[in-house]
Amino acid sequence: MASSSNVVPAAARKLDGKVALITGGASGIGECTARLFVQHGASVVLADIQDDLGARLCAELGPAASSYVRCDVTSEEDVVAAVNHAVARFGKLDIMFNNAGIGGAACHSIRDSTKEDFERVLAVNLVGPFLGTKHAARVMVPARQGCIIGTSSLASAVGGVASHAYTCAKRALVGLTENAATELGQHGIRVNCISPAAAATPLATGYVGLDGEAFEMAMESFANLKGVGLRVKDIATAVLFLASDDARYVSGHNLLIDGGISVSNLTFGIFKE
């Protein structure tokens, strides 16, 4: 099957010749980002544990532009193998998107939260990006260039929007981003993260227990920015910006994609008509 990179004219492509590794790349934000990256001229390696979805997406994107590798991001051996696969398959690694994540139990009570769930959420959502950053740096430092991006959350800036485990992991990811940017900037490597509000991904809809349109309507009822709803494509577009030369001097940044809700306190109601 032909690659979908023909969708965007060559002169407008932002990632021509780049190689990206996307964890959690078989569905949700990762899938949408992979499609957009390929449209902009990148080759992508999808790292996931959803083998059927990964194989199906690679078949659609085409073997010249994509490859799938099974990767549990909590396993250092798997992450090492995924990075090595990207380099072996496409010759280098320019972009590491640490996107894989889980919601964990939908429990907002500290008294009812379990140690097992807390540790599992931190293992996937924090240890995973640590390992991804570590081994991306292993191949990027000698090249003295590269871009590492993590998926954090609105929970990194606002309390009370997610479980304790998820909030702790996503806030810590911002700290990891800033620390890694400080170190790796000395080698020409940029490190950033995105913090989106909720969009209709399998992770988010499963956590809330709503599907599709019902989920989007519920999220828009809470939103600060009216007249536009957050879609997965909006998040992927932000990742594209950070991965491209448009953001060539942006590093150590947590990009909130939340329609201003993190800087709003609507309980006051002074701006409501």
C-alpha atoms as a PDB file:
ATOM      1  CA  MET A   1       0.000   0.000   0.000  1.00  0.00           C
ATOM      2  CA  ALA A   2       1.304   3.447  -0.867  1.00  0.00           C
ATOM      3  CA  SER A   3       2.453   5.767   1.887  1.00  0.00           C
ATOM      4  CA  SER A   4       0.121   8.567   2.918  1.00  0.00           C
ATOM      5  CA  SER A   5       3.008  11.068   2.782  1.00  0.00           C
ATOM      6  CA  ASN A   6       1.631  12.304  -0.575  1.00  0.00           C
ATOM      7  CA  VAL A   7      -1.188  14.099   1.222  1.00  0.00           C
ATOM      8  CA  VAL A   8       1.044  17.054   2.137  1.00  0.00           C
ATOM      9  CA  PRO A   9       2.949  18.775  -0.728  1.00  0.00           C
ATOM     10  CA  ALA A  10       6.696  18.210  -0.511  1.00  0.00           C
ATOM     11  CA  ALA A  11       7.452  21.886   0.055  1.00  0.00           C
ATOM     12  CA  ALA A  12       5.116  21.981   3.055  1.00  0.00           C
ATOM     13  CA  ARG A  13       6.350  18.846   4.792  1.00  0.00           C
ATOM     14  CA  LYS A  14       7.902  19.536   8.184  1.00  0.00           C
ATOM     15  CA  LEU A  15       9.662  16.223   8.864  1.00  0.00           C
ATOM     16  CA  ASP A  16      11.142  15.161   5.538  1.00  0.00           C
ATOM     17  CA  GLY A  17      13.831  12.540   6.087  1.00  0.00           C
ATOM     18  CA  LYS A  18      13.259  12.317   9.846  1.00  0.00           C
ATOM     19  CA  VAL A  19      12.926   9.063  11.775  1.00  0.00           C
ATOM     20  CA  ALA A  20      10.548   8.887  14.733  1.00  0.00           C
ATOM     21  CA  LEU A  21       9.892   6.250  17.382  1.00  0.00           C
ATOM     22  CA  ILE A  22       6.431   6.484  18.953  1.00  0.00           C
ATOM     23  CA  THR A  23       5.572   4.442  22.021  1.00  0.00           C
ATOM     24  CA  GLY A  24       1.885   3.670  22.326  1.00  0.00           C
ATOM     25  CA  GLY A  25       1.865   4.225  18.586  1.00  0.00           C
ATOM     26  CA  ALA A  26      -0.849   1.750  17.610  1.00  0.00           C
ATOM     27  CA  SER A  27      -3.868   3.724  18.849  1.00  0.00           C
ATOM     28  CA  GLY A  28      -5.086   7.029  20.227  1.00  0.00           C
ATOM     29  CA  ILE A  29      -2.685   9.979  20.237  1.00  0.00           C
ATOM     30  CA  GLY A  30       0.170   7.771  19.048  1.00  0.00           C
ATOM     31  CA  GLU A  31      -1.725   6.498  16.027  1.00  0.00           C
ATOM     32  CA  CYS A  32      -2.904   9.971  15.006  1.00  0.00           C
ATOM     33  CA  THR A  33       0.612  11.362  15.426  1.00  0.00           C
ATOM     34  CA  ALA A  34       2.120   8.533  13.376  1.00  0.00           C
ATOM     35  CA  ARG A  35      -0.264   9.276  10.521  1.00  0.00           C
ATOM     36  CA  LEU A  36       0.553  12.989  10.658  1.00  0.00           C
ATOM     37  CA  PHE A  37       4.308  12.374  10.849  1.00  0.00           C
ATOM     38  CA  VAL A  38       4.197  10.148   7.758  1.00  0.00           C
ATOM     39  CA  GLN A  39       2.141  12.762   5.911  1.00  0.00           C
ATOM     40  CA  HIS A  40       4.947  15.198   6.698  1.00  0.00           C
ATOM     41  CA  GLY A  41       7.658  12.947   5.306  1.00  0.00           C
ATOM     42  CA  ALA A  42       8.884  11.049   8.372  1.00  0.00           C
ATOM     43  CA  SER A  43       9.525   7.350   8.774  1.00  0.00           C
ATOM     44  CA  VAL A  44       7.942   5.989  11.937  1.00  0.00           C
ATOM     45  CA  VAL A  45       8.491   3.033  14.222  1.00  0.00           C
ATOM     46  CA  LEU A  46       5.399   2.121  16.222  1.00  0.00           C
ATOM     47  CA  ALA A  47       6.238   0.611  19.603  1.00  0.00           C
ATOM     48  CA  ASP A  48       3.276  -0.929  21.384  1.00  0.00           C
ATOM     49  CA  ILE A  49       1.844  -4.105  22.925  1.00  0.00           C
ATOM     50  CA  GLN A  50      -1.231  -4.000  20.664  1.00  0.00           C
ATOM     51  CA  ASP A  51       0.203  -6.208  17.939  1.00  0.00           C
ATOM     52  CA  ASP A  52      -2.858  -6.443  15.696  1.00  0.00           C
ATOM     53  CA  LEU A  53      -3.489  -2.683  15.724  1.00  0.00           C
ATOM     54  CA  GLY A  54       0.191  -1.962  15.120  1.00  0.00           C
ATOM     55  CA  ALA A  55       0.405  -4.352  12.175  1.00  0.00           C
ATOM     56  CA  ARG A  56      -2.789  -2.949  10.667  1.00  0.00           C
ATOM     57  CA  LEU A  57      -1.559   0.642  10.918  1.00  0.00           C
ATOM     58  CA  CYS A  58       1.824  -0.228   9.405  1.00  0.00           C
ATOM     59  CA  ALA A  59       0.082  -1.968   6.509  1.00  0.00           C
ATOM     60  CA  GLU A  60      -1.879   1.206   5.891  1.00  0.00           C
ATOM     61  CA  LEU A  61       1.103   3.544   6.176  1.00  0.00           C
ATOM     62  CA  GLY A  62       3.280   1.292   4.026  1.00  0.00           C
ATOM     63  CA  PRO A  63       6.527  -0.604   4.730  1.00  0.00           C
ATOM     64  CA  ALA A  64       8.710   2.138   3.272  1.00  0.00           C
ATOM     65  CA  ALA A  65       7.515   4.611   5.905  1.00  0.00           C
ATOM     66  CA  SER A  66       6.670   2.496   8.939  1.00  0.00           C
ATOM     67  CA  SER A  67       7.596  -0.463  11.083  1.00  0.00           C
ATOM     68  CA  TYR A  68       6.141  -2.088  14.182  1.00  0.00           C
ATOM     69  CA  VAL A  69       7.980  -3.455  17.206  1.00  0.00           C
ATOM     70  CA  ARG A  70       6.410  -4.991  20.281  1.00  0.00           C
ATOM     71  CA  CYS A  71       7.477  -2.980  23.317  1.00  0.00           C
ATOM     72  CA  ASP A  72       6.424  -2.954  26.956  1.00  0.00           C
ATOM     73  CA  VAL A  73       7.776   0.423  28.054  1.00  0.00           C
ATOM     74  CA  THR A  74       8.279  -0.801  31.628  1.00  0.00           C
ATOM     75  CA  SER A  75      10.882  -3.275  30.322  1.00  0.00           C
ATOM     76  CA  GLU A  76      14.298  -1.728  29.710  1.00  0.00           C
ATOM     77  CA  GLU A  77      15.159  -4.653  27.444  1.00  0.00           C
ATOM     78  CA  ASP A  78      12.127  -3.910  25.262  1.00  0.00           C
ATOM     79  CA  VAL A  79      12.904  -0.184  25.080  1.00  0.00           C
ATOM     80  CA  VAL A  80      16.534  -0.876  24.148  1.00  0.00           C
ATOM     81  CA  ALA A  81      15.325  -3.219  21.405  1.00  0.00           C
ATOM     82  CA  ALA A  82      12.823  -0.657  20.080  1.00  0.00           C
ATOM     83  CA  VAL A  83      15.459   2.082  19.803  1.00  0.00           C
ATOM     84  CA  ASN A  84      17.917  -0.339  18.196  1.00  0.00           C
ATOM     85  CA  HIS A  85      15.205  -1.451  15.762  1.00  0.00           C
ATOM     86  CA  ALA A  86      14.553   2.142  14.677  1.00  0.00           C
ATOM     87  CA  VAL A  87      18.238   2.727  13.985  1.00  0.00           C
ATOM     88  CA  ALA A  88      18.676  -0.610  12.211  1.00  0.00           C
ATOM     89  CA  ARG A  89      15.536  -0.187  10.103  1.00  0.00           C
ATOM     90  CA  PHE A  90      15.848   3.478   9.134  1.00  0.00           C
ATOM     91  CA  GLY A  91      19.474   4.363   9.897  1.00  0.00           C
ATOM     92  CA  LYS A  92      19.027   6.874  12.735  1.00  0.00           C
ATOM     93  CA  LEU A  93      16.639   8.292  15.335  1.00  0.00           C
ATOM     94  CA  ASP A  94      15.624  11.950  15.174  1.00  0.00           C
ATOM     95  CA  ILE A  95      12.426  12.011  17.249  1.00  0.00           C
ATOM     96  CA  MET A  96      11.454  10.028  20.335  1.00  0.00           C
ATOM     97  CA  PHE A  97       7.796  10.402  21.332  1.00  0.00           C
ATOM     98  CA  ASN A  98       7.286   8.871  24.778  1.00  0.00           C
ATOM     99  CA  ASN A  99       3.539   8.574  24.482  1.00  0.00           C
ATOM    100  CA  ALA A 100       2.538   5.200  25.943  1.00  0.00           C
ATOM    101  CA  GLY A 101       0.387   5.502  29.027  1.00  0.00           C
ATOM    102  CA  ILE A 102      -2.391   3.993  31.111  1.00  0.00           C
ATOM    103  CA  GLY A 103      -5.150   5.569  33.166  1.00  0.00           C
ATOM    104  CA  GLY A 104      -5.107   3.056  35.969  1.00  0.00           C
ATOM    105  CA  ALA A 105      -8.062   2.576  38.273  1.00  0.00           C
ATOM    106  CA  ALA A 106     -10.687   5.332  38.124  1.00  0.00           C
ATOM    107  CA  CYS A 107     -10.340   5.900  41.850  1.00  0.00           C
ATOM    108  CA  HIS A 108     -10.110   9.429  43.242  1.00  0.00           C
ATOM    109  CA  SER A 109     -10.050   8.445  46.914  1.00  0.00           C
ATOM    110  CA  ILE A 110      -6.646   8.232  48.587  1.00  0.00           C
ATOM    111  CA  ARG A 111      -8.198   5.898  51.147  1.00  0.00           C
ATOM    112  CA  ASP A 112      -9.343   3.448  48.495  1.00  0.00           C
ATOM    113  CA  SER A 113      -6.337   3.695  46.164  1.00  0.00           C
ATOM    114  CA  THR A 114      -4.120   0.626  46.085  1.00  0.00           C
ATOM    115  CA  LYS A 115      -0.347   0.436  46.167  1.00  0.00           C
ATOM    116  CA  GLU A 116      -0.414  -2.014  43.249  1.00  0.00           C
ATOM    117  CA  ASP A 117      -2.328   0.373  40.987  1.00  0.00           C
ATOM    118  CA  PHE A 118      -0.184   3.343  42.030  1.00  0.00           C
ATOM    119  CA  GLU A 119       3.023   1.496  41.189  1.00  0.00           C
ATOM    120  CA  ARG A 120       1.675   0.190  37.880  1.00  0.00           C
ATOM    121  CA  VAL A 121       0.614   3.663  36.732  1.00  0.00           C
ATOM    122  CA  LEU A 122       4.011   5.104  37.666  1.00  0.00           C
ATOM    123  CA  ALA A 123       5.784   2.215  35.934  1.00  0.00           C
ATOM    124  CA  VAL A 124       4.080   2.858  32.584  1.00  0.00           C
ATOM    125  CA  ASN A 125       3.579   6.636  32.716  1.00  0.00           C
ATOM    126  CA  LEU A 126       6.875   7.681  34.314  1.00  0.00           C
ATOM    127  CA  VAL A 127       9.414   4.855  34.237  1.00  0.00           C
ATOM    128  CA  GLY A 128       8.485   4.258  30.584  1.00  0.00           C
ATOM    129  CA  PRO A 129       9.349   7.826  29.515  1.00  0.00           C
ATOM    130  CA  PHE A 130      12.509   7.684  31.639  1.00  0.00           C
ATOM    131  CA  LEU A 131      13.656   4.584  29.768  1.00  0.00           C
ATOM    132  CA  GLY A 132      12.634   6.054  26.423  1.00  0.00           C
ATOM    133  CA  THR A 133      14.548   9.255  27.129  1.00  0.00           C
ATOM    134  CA  LYS A 134      17.586   7.350  28.387  1.00  0.00           C
ATOM    135  CA  HIS A 135      17.917   5.145  25.335  1.00  0.00           C
ATOM    136  CA  ALA A 136      16.974   7.816  22.814  1.00  0.00           C
ATOM    137  CA  ALA A 137      19.788   9.890  24.320  1.00  0.00           C
ATOM    138  CA  ARG A 138      22.126   6.919  23.890  1.00  0.00           C
ATOM    139  CA  VAL A 139      21.883   7.253  20.106  1.00  0.00           C
ATOM    140  CA  MET A 140      21.149  10.985  19.862  1.00  0.00           C
ATOM    141  CA  VAL A 141      24.101  12.259  21.901  1.00  0.00           C
ATOM    142  CA  PRO A 142      26.732  10.928  19.454  1.00  0.00           C
ATOM    143  CA  ALA A 143      24.745  12.524  16.612  1.00  0.00           C
ATOM    144  CA  ARG A 144      24.537  15.780  18.588  1.00  0.00           C
ATOM    145  CA  GLN A 145      20.921  16.324  17.548  1.00  0.00           C
ATOM    146  CA  GLY A 146      17.462  15.015  18.289  1.00  0.00           C
ATOM    147  CA  CYS A 147      14.080  15.753  19.777  1.00  0.00           C
ATOM    148  CA  ILE A 148      12.385  13.973  22.685  1.00  0.00           C
ATOM    149  CA  ILE A 149       8.716  14.583  23.506  1.00  0.00           C
ATOM    150  CA  GLY A 150       6.608  13.150  26.321  1.00  0.00           C
ATOM    151  CA  THR A 151       2.855  12.963  26.817  1.00  0.00           C
ATOM    152  CA  SER A 152       1.918  14.504  30.139  1.00  0.00           C
ATOM    153  CA  SER A 153      -1.565  15.786  31.010  1.00  0.00           C
ATOM    154  CA  LEU A 154      -3.673  18.671  32.223  1.00  0.00           C
ATOM    155  CA  ALA A 155      -3.214  16.908  35.566  1.00  0.00           C
ATOM    156  CA  SER A 156       0.372  18.205  35.507  1.00  0.00           C
ATOM    157  CA  ALA A 157      -0.992  21.711  36.136  1.00  0.00           C
ATOM    158  CA  VAL A 158      -4.402  21.272  37.795  1.00  0.00           C
ATOM    159  CA  GLY A 159      -5.354  19.212  40.816  1.00  0.00           C
ATOM    160  CA  GLY A 160      -8.485  17.145  41.090  1.00  0.00           C
ATOM    161  CA  VAL A 161      -8.825  16.119  37.442  1.00  0.00           C
ATOM    162  CA  ALA A 162      -7.365  12.604  37.690  1.00  0.00           C
ATOM    163  CA  SER A 163      -6.408   9.898  40.148  1.00  0.00           C
ATOM    164  CA  HIS A 164      -3.552  10.372  42.605  1.00  0.00           C
ATOM    165  CA  ALA A 165      -1.393   7.878  40.721  1.00  0.00           C
ATOM    166  CA  TYR A 166      -1.981   9.471  37.321  1.00  0.00           C
ATOM    167  CA  THR A 167      -1.477  13.003  38.658  1.00  0.00           C
ATOM    168  CA  CYS A 168       1.796  12.090  40.372  1.00  0.00           C
ATOM    169  CA  ALA A 169       3.132  10.380  37.256  1.00  0.00           C
ATOM    170  CA  LYS A 170       2.244  13.223  34.918  1.00  0.00           C
ATOM    171  CA  ARG A 171       3.619  15.929  37.216  1.00  0.00           C
ATOM    172  CA  ALA A 172       6.844  13.984  37.635  1.00  0.00           C
ATOM    173  CA  LEU A 173       7.100  13.670  33.852  1.00  0.00           C
ATOM    174  CA  VAL A 174       7.316  17.465  33.627  1.00  0.00           C
ATOM    175  CA  GLY A 175      10.223  17.368  36.077  1.00  0.00           C
ATOM    176  CA  LEU A 176      11.914  14.663  34.012  1.00  0.00           C
ATOM    177  CA  THR A 177      11.400  16.783  30.899  1.00  0.00           C
ATOM    178  CA  GLU A 178      12.999  19.842  32.467  1.00  0.00           C
ATOM    179  CA  ASN A 179      15.936  17.898  33.920  1.00  0.00           C
ATOM    180  CA  ALA A 180      16.593  16.033  30.681  1.00  0.00           C
ATOM    181  CA  ALA A 181      16.354  19.261  28.668  1.00  0.00           C
ATOM    182  CA  THR A 182      18.967  20.811  30.934  1.00  0.00           C
ATOM    183  CA  GLU A 183      21.394  17.939  30.438  1.00  0.00           C
ATOM    184  CA  LEU A 184      20.740  17.031  26.820  1.00  0.00           C
ATOM    185  CA  GLY A 185      20.631  20.598  25.544  1.00  0.00           C
ATOM    186  CA  GLN A 186      24.406  20.514  25.898  1.00  0.00           C
ATOM    187  CA  HIS A 187      24.372  17.917  23.122  1.00  0.00           C
ATOM    188  CA  GLY A 188      21.962  19.731  20.807  1.00  0.00           C
ATOM    189  CA  ILE A 189      18.925  17.683  21.877  1.00  0.00           C
ATOM    190  CA  ARG A 190      15.576  19.306  22.666  1.00  0.00           C
ATOM    191  CA  VAL A 191      13.250  17.794  25.288  1.00  0.00           C
ATOM    192  CA  ASN A 192       9.622  18.903  25.716  1.00  0.00           C
ATOM    193  CA  CYS A 193       6.260  17.516  26.747  1.00  0.00           C
ATOM    194  CA  ILE A 194       2.616  18.122  25.941  1.00  0.00           C
ATOM    195  CA  SER A 195      -0.197  18.366  28.495  1.00  0.00           C
ATOM    196  CA  PRO A 196      -3.568  17.958  26.816  1.00  0.00           C
ATOM    197  CA  ALA A 197      -6.981  18.109  28.366  1.00  0.00           C
ATOM    198  CA  ALA A 198      -9.137  15.051  27.697  1.00  0.00           C
ATOM    199  CA  ALA A 199      -9.779  14.025  24.104  1.00  0.00           C
ATOM    200  CA  ALA A 200     -11.694  10.974  22.898  1.00  0.00           C
ATOM    201  CA  THR A 201      -8.899   8.400  22.994  1.00  0.00           C
ATOM    202  CA  PRO A 202      -9.420   4.775  24.070  1.00  0.00           C
ATOM    203  CA  LEU A 203      -7.582   5.540  27.320  1.00  0.00           C
ATOM    204  CA  ALA A 204      -9.714   8.569  28.196  1.00  0.00           C
ATOM    205  CA  THR A 205     -13.091   7.169  27.177  1.00  0.00           C
ATOM    206  CA  GLY A 206     -12.390   3.933  29.026  1.00  0.00           C
ATOM    207  CA  TYR A 207     -11.415   5.819  32.170  1.00  0.00           C
ATOM    208  CA  VAL A 208     -14.544   7.980  32.173  1.00  0.00           C
ATOM    209  CA  GLY A 209     -16.897   5.292  30.892  1.00  0.00           C
ATOM    210  CA  LEU A 210     -18.281   7.334  27.999  1.00  0.00           C
ATOM    211  CA  ASP A 211     -17.847   6.818  24.277  1.00  0.00           C
ATOM    212  CA  GLY A 212     -17.464   9.103  21.286  1.00  0.00           C
ATOM    213  CA  GLU A 213     -19.929  11.952  21.077  1.00  0.00           C
ATOM    214  CA  ALA A 214     -21.117  11.596  24.681  1.00  0.00           C
ATOM    215  CA  PHE A 215     -17.534  11.918  25.907  1.00  0.00           C
ATOM    216  CA  GLU A 216     -16.857  14.981  23.757  1.00  0.00           C
ATOM    217  CA  MET A 217     -20.074  16.670  24.876  1.00  0.00           C
ATOM    218  CA  ALA A 218     -19.204  16.072  28.521  1.00  0.00           C
ATOM    219  CA  MET A 219     -15.693  17.475  28.111  1.00  0.00           C
ATOM    220  CA  GLU A 220     -16.940  20.535  26.223  1.00  0.00           C
ATOM    221  CA  SER A 221     -19.406  21.286  29.011  1.00  0.00           C
ATOM    222  CA  PHE A 222     -16.448  21.671  31.387  1.00  0.00           C
ATOM    223  CA  ALA A 223     -14.226  23.544  28.940  1.00  0.00           C
ATOM    224  CA  ASN A 224     -13.203  27.160  29.279  1.00  0.00           C
ATOM    225  CA  LEU A 225     -12.798  27.791  25.541  1.00  0.00           C
ATOM    226  CA  LYS A 226     -16.238  27.528  23.982  1.00  0.00           C
ATOM    227  CA  GLY A 227     -17.142  26.909  20.361  1.00  0.00           C
ATOM    228  CA  VAL A 228     -14.324  24.446  19.749  1.00  0.00           C
ATOM    229  CA  GLY A 229     -13.744  20.991  21.175  1.00  0.00           C
ATOM    230  CA  LEU A 230     -10.397  19.283  21.703  1.00  0.00           C
ATOM    231  CA  ARG A 231      -9.770  16.526  19.174  1.00  0.00           C
ATOM    232  CA  VAL A 232      -6.938  14.010  18.984  1.00  0.00           C
ATOM    233  CA  LYS A 233      -5.711  15.690  15.777  1.00  0.00           C
ATOM    234  CA  ASP A 234      -5.164  18.915  17.765  1.00  0.00           C
ATOM    235  CA  ILE A 235      -2.812  17.050  20.087  1.00  0.00           C
ATOM    236  CA  ALA A 236      -0.948  15.394  17.213  1.00  0.00           C
ATOM    237  CA  THR A 237      -0.520  18.783  15.542  1.00  0.00           C
ATOM    238  CA  ALA A 238       1.089  20.137  18.710  1.00  0.00           C
ATOM    239  CA  VAL A 239       3.483  17.177  18.748  1.00  0.00           C
ATOM    240  CA  LEU A 240       4.310  17.875  15.093  1.00  0.00           C
ATOM    241  CA  PHE A 241       5.140  21.472  16.008  1.00  0.00           C
ATOM    242  CA  LEU A 242       7.504  20.418  18.808  1.00  0.00           C
ATOM    243  CA  ALA A 243       9.139  17.786  16.598  1.00  0.00           C
ATOM    244  CA  SER A 244       9.707  20.157  13.689  1.00  0.00           C
ATOM    245  CA  ASP A 245      12.142  22.972  13.041  1.00  0.00           C
ATOM    246  CA  ASP A 246       9.290  25.382  13.799  1.00  0.00           C
ATOM    247  CA  ALA A 247      10.205  24.680  17.435  1.00  0.00           C
ATOM    248  CA  ARG A 248      13.963  24.596  16.889  1.00  0.00           C
ATOM    249  CA  TYR A 249      14.649  26.781  19.959  1.00  0.00           C
ATOM    250  CA  VAL A 250      11.930  25.358  22.208  1.00  0.00           C
ATOM    251  CA  SER A 251      13.212  23.044  24.938  1.00  0.00           C
ATOM    252  CA  GLY A 252      12.243  22.255  28.520  1.00  0.00           C
ATOM    253  CA  HIS A 253       8.663  23.312  27.789  1.00  0.00           C
ATOM    254  CA  ASN A 254       5.374  21.806  28.959  1.00  0.00           C
ATOM    255  CA  LEU A 255       2.889  22.713  26.225  1.00  0.00           C
ATOM    256  CA  LEU A 256      -0.613  22.839  27.676  1.00  0.00           C
ATOM    257  CA  ILE A 257      -3.329  22.019  25.135  1.00  0.00           C
ATOM    258  CA  ASP A 258      -6.314  22.823  27.295  1.00  0.00           C
ATOM    259  CA  GLY A 259      -8.162  25.835  25.916  1.00  0.00           C
ATOM    260  CA  GLY A 260      -7.027  27.920  28.878  1.00  0.00           C
ATOM    261  CA  ILE A 261      -8.706  25.826  31.565  1.00  0.00           C
ATOM    262  CA  SER A 262      -5.499  25.569  33.611  1.00  0.00           C
ATOM    263  CA  VAL A 263      -5.383  29.360  34.048  1.00  0.00           C
ATOM    264  CA  SER A 264      -9.102  29.767  34.684  1.00  0.00           C
ATOM    265  CA  ASN A 265     -11.139  29.701  37.866  1.00  0.00           C
ATOM    266  CA  LEU A 266     -14.704  29.607  36.632  1.00  0.00           C
ATOM    267  CA  THR A 267     -16.097  29.248  40.141  1.00  0.00           C
ATOM    268  CA  PHE A 268     -15.947  33.045  40.379  1.00  0.00           C
ATOM    269  CA  GLY A 269     -18.219  33.434  37.373  1.00  0.00           C
ATOM    270  CA  ILE A 270     -17.287  37.099  36.851  1.00  0.00           C
ATOM    271  CA  PHE A 271     -16.908  36.678  33.066  1.00  0.00           C
ATOM    272  CA  LYS A 272     -20.114  34.700  32.538  1.00  0.00           C
ATOM    273  CA  GLU A 273     -22.945  36.378  30.710  1.00  0.00           C
END
